[in-house]
Protein backbone atom coordinates (compact mmCIF):
# COMPACT_ATOMS: atom_id res chain seq x y z
CA UNK A 1 5.27 0.35 7.80
CA UNK A 2 5.40 -0.39 11.50
CA UNK A 3 8.10 -2.90 12.46
CA UNK A 4 5.26 -5.34 14.05
CA UNK A 5 2.95 -5.17 10.70
CA UNK A 6 6.01 -5.47 8.75
CA UNK A 7 7.07 -8.60 10.21
CA UNK A 8 3.83 -10.06 9.72
CA UNK A 9 3.33 -9.04 6.35
CA UNK A 10 6.74 -10.18 5.52
CA UNK A 11 5.91 -13.77 7.29
CA UNK A 12 2.71 -14.12 4.97
CA UNK A 13 4.58 -13.03 1.82
CA UNK A 14 7.30 -15.98 2.67
CA UNK A 15 4.68 -18.34 3.07
CA UNK A 16 2.69 -16.99 -0.05
CA UNK A 17 5.83 -17.34 -2.10
CA UNK A 18 6.75 -21.16 -0.96
CA UNK A 19 2.88 -21.85 -1.59
CA UNK A 20 2.97 -19.98 -5.16
CA UNK A 21 0.40 -17.90 -4.06
CA UNK A 22 3.05 -14.97 -4.92
CA UNK A 23 5.22 -13.90 -7.18
CA UNK A 24 8.96 -12.06 -6.84
CA UNK A 25 10.55 -9.28 -8.76
CA UNK A 26 9.56 -6.60 -11.17
CA UNK A 27 9.42 -8.36 -14.12
CA UNK A 28 7.08 -11.40 -12.59
CA UNK A 29 4.74 -8.81 -11.15
CA UNK A 30 4.28 -7.04 -14.58
CA UNK A 31 3.59 -10.58 -16.04
CA UNK A 32 0.96 -11.23 -13.48
CA UNK A 33 -0.39 -7.77 -13.73
CA UNK A 34 -0.83 -8.06 -17.41
CA UNK A 35 -2.68 -11.29 -17.30
CA UNK A 36 -4.89 -10.05 -14.87
CA UNK A 37 -3.83 -12.62 -11.69
CA UNK A 38 -2.44 -9.93 -9.64
CA UNK A 39 -4.64 -9.09 -6.46
CA UNK A 40 -2.13 -6.88 -4.39
CA UNK A 41 1.75 -5.77 -4.89
CA UNK A 42 4.27 -4.96 -2.06
CA UNK A 43 6.70 -2.73 -3.03
CA UNK A 44 10.14 -1.71 -1.65
CA UNK A 45 10.29 2.38 -0.93
CA UNK A 46 14.17 2.39 -1.56
CA UNK A 47 13.63 0.61 -4.64
CA UNK A 48 15.21 2.55 -8.00
CA UNK A 49 13.29 4.65 -9.49
CA UNK A 50 13.47 2.83 -12.95
CA UNK A 51 12.24 -0.42 -11.35
CA UNK A 52 9.50 1.32 -9.65
CA UNK A 53 8.44 3.20 -13.04
CA UNK A 54 8.15 -0.07 -14.76
CA UNK A 55 5.83 -1.33 -12.37
CA UNK A 56 4.35 1.31 -11.08
CA UNK A 57 2.13 2.99 -13.76
CA UNK A 58 0.70 -0.70 -15.06
CA UNK A 59 -0.15 -1.45 -11.38
CA UNK A 60 -2.38 1.66 -11.10
CA UNK A 61 -4.17 1.43 -14.76
CA UNK A 62 -5.03 -2.22 -13.35
CA UNK A 63 -6.24 -1.04 -9.98
CA UNK A 64 -3.93 -2.95 -8.35
CA UNK A 65 -3.58 -2.06 -4.79
CA UNK A 66 -0.05 -1.23 -3.82
CA UNK A 67 1.41 -1.34 -0.62
CA UNK A 68 4.63 0.15 0.46
CA UNK A 69 6.62 -2.42 2.45
CA UNK A 70 9.91 -2.70 4.27
CA UNK A 71 12.94 -1.94 1.91
CA UNK A 72 14.72 -4.26 -0.95
CA UNK A 73 16.84 -6.35 1.54
CA UNK A 74 14.13 -7.33 4.06
CA UNK A 75 11.32 -7.91 1.75
CA UNK A 76 14.06 -9.73 -0.60
CA UNK A 77 15.24 -11.41 2.52
CA UNK A 78 11.60 -12.68 3.06
CA UNK A 79 11.15 -14.41 -0.07
CA UNK A 80 14.30 -16.00 -0.62
CA UNK A 81 16.20 -13.56 -2.45
CA UNK A 82 19.12 -11.06 -1.66
CA UNK A 83 16.69 -8.27 -2.69
CA UNK A 84 13.69 -7.23 -4.40
CA UNK A 85 11.61 -3.95 -5.48
CA UNK A 86 8.27 -5.84 -5.55
CA UNK A 87 6.20 -9.19 -4.41
CA UNK A 88 3.17 -9.33 -6.45
CA UNK A 89 0.18 -11.64 -4.39
CA UNK A 90 -1.80 -13.92 -6.91
CA UNK A 91 -4.22 -15.42 -4.18
CA UNK A 92 -7.23 -13.37 -2.69
CA UNK A 93 -7.36 -15.19 0.49
CA UNK A 94 -3.48 -14.31 0.99
CA UNK A 95 -4.07 -10.68 -0.19
CA UNK A 96 -6.92 -10.22 2.43
CA UNK A 97 -4.90 -11.64 5.13
CA UNK A 98 -1.98 -9.04 4.48
CA UNK A 99 -4.81 -6.31 4.02
CA UNK A 100 -6.41 -7.07 7.08
CA UNK A 101 -2.91 -6.97 9.03
CA UNK A 102 -1.77 -3.50 7.09
CA UNK A 103 -5.49 -1.72 6.95
CA UNK A 104 -5.95 -2.93 10.83
CA UNK A 105 -3.11 -1.47 12.14
CA UNK A 106 -3.24 1.66 14.38
CA UNK A 107 -2.65 4.94 12.08
CA UNK A 108 -3.39 3.09 8.93
CA UNK A 109 -5.40 4.94 6.15
CA UNK A 110 -8.53 3.04 7.05
CA UNK A 111 -8.33 4.30 10.74
CA UNK A 112 -8.03 0.56 11.94
CA UNK A 113 -11.03 -0.91 10.26
CA UNK A 114 -10.68 -4.00 8.10
């Protein structure tokens, strides 16, 4: 993830957590996914394999889009923690805003289209 994109996404995630539109941590992300409330997940690429194994299969089974974000320390710092492996977005509008930033970035999988 490019630095400018990461900065904007982290800012939105921080606002989302403060506004209770996002959940922090593997267990909270799993619970939101099980309840069908999760719209989007941002996972840290440097998270432990154990943490990723706990959350990734469930997200894929529930067809929740997964974005590879910055590392655990930066991701955690944006949401008021020392570190975290995953942040889940439960608000559709917030998820749309994050996806617009990620998908609209040059070099993204959608080629810059939103």
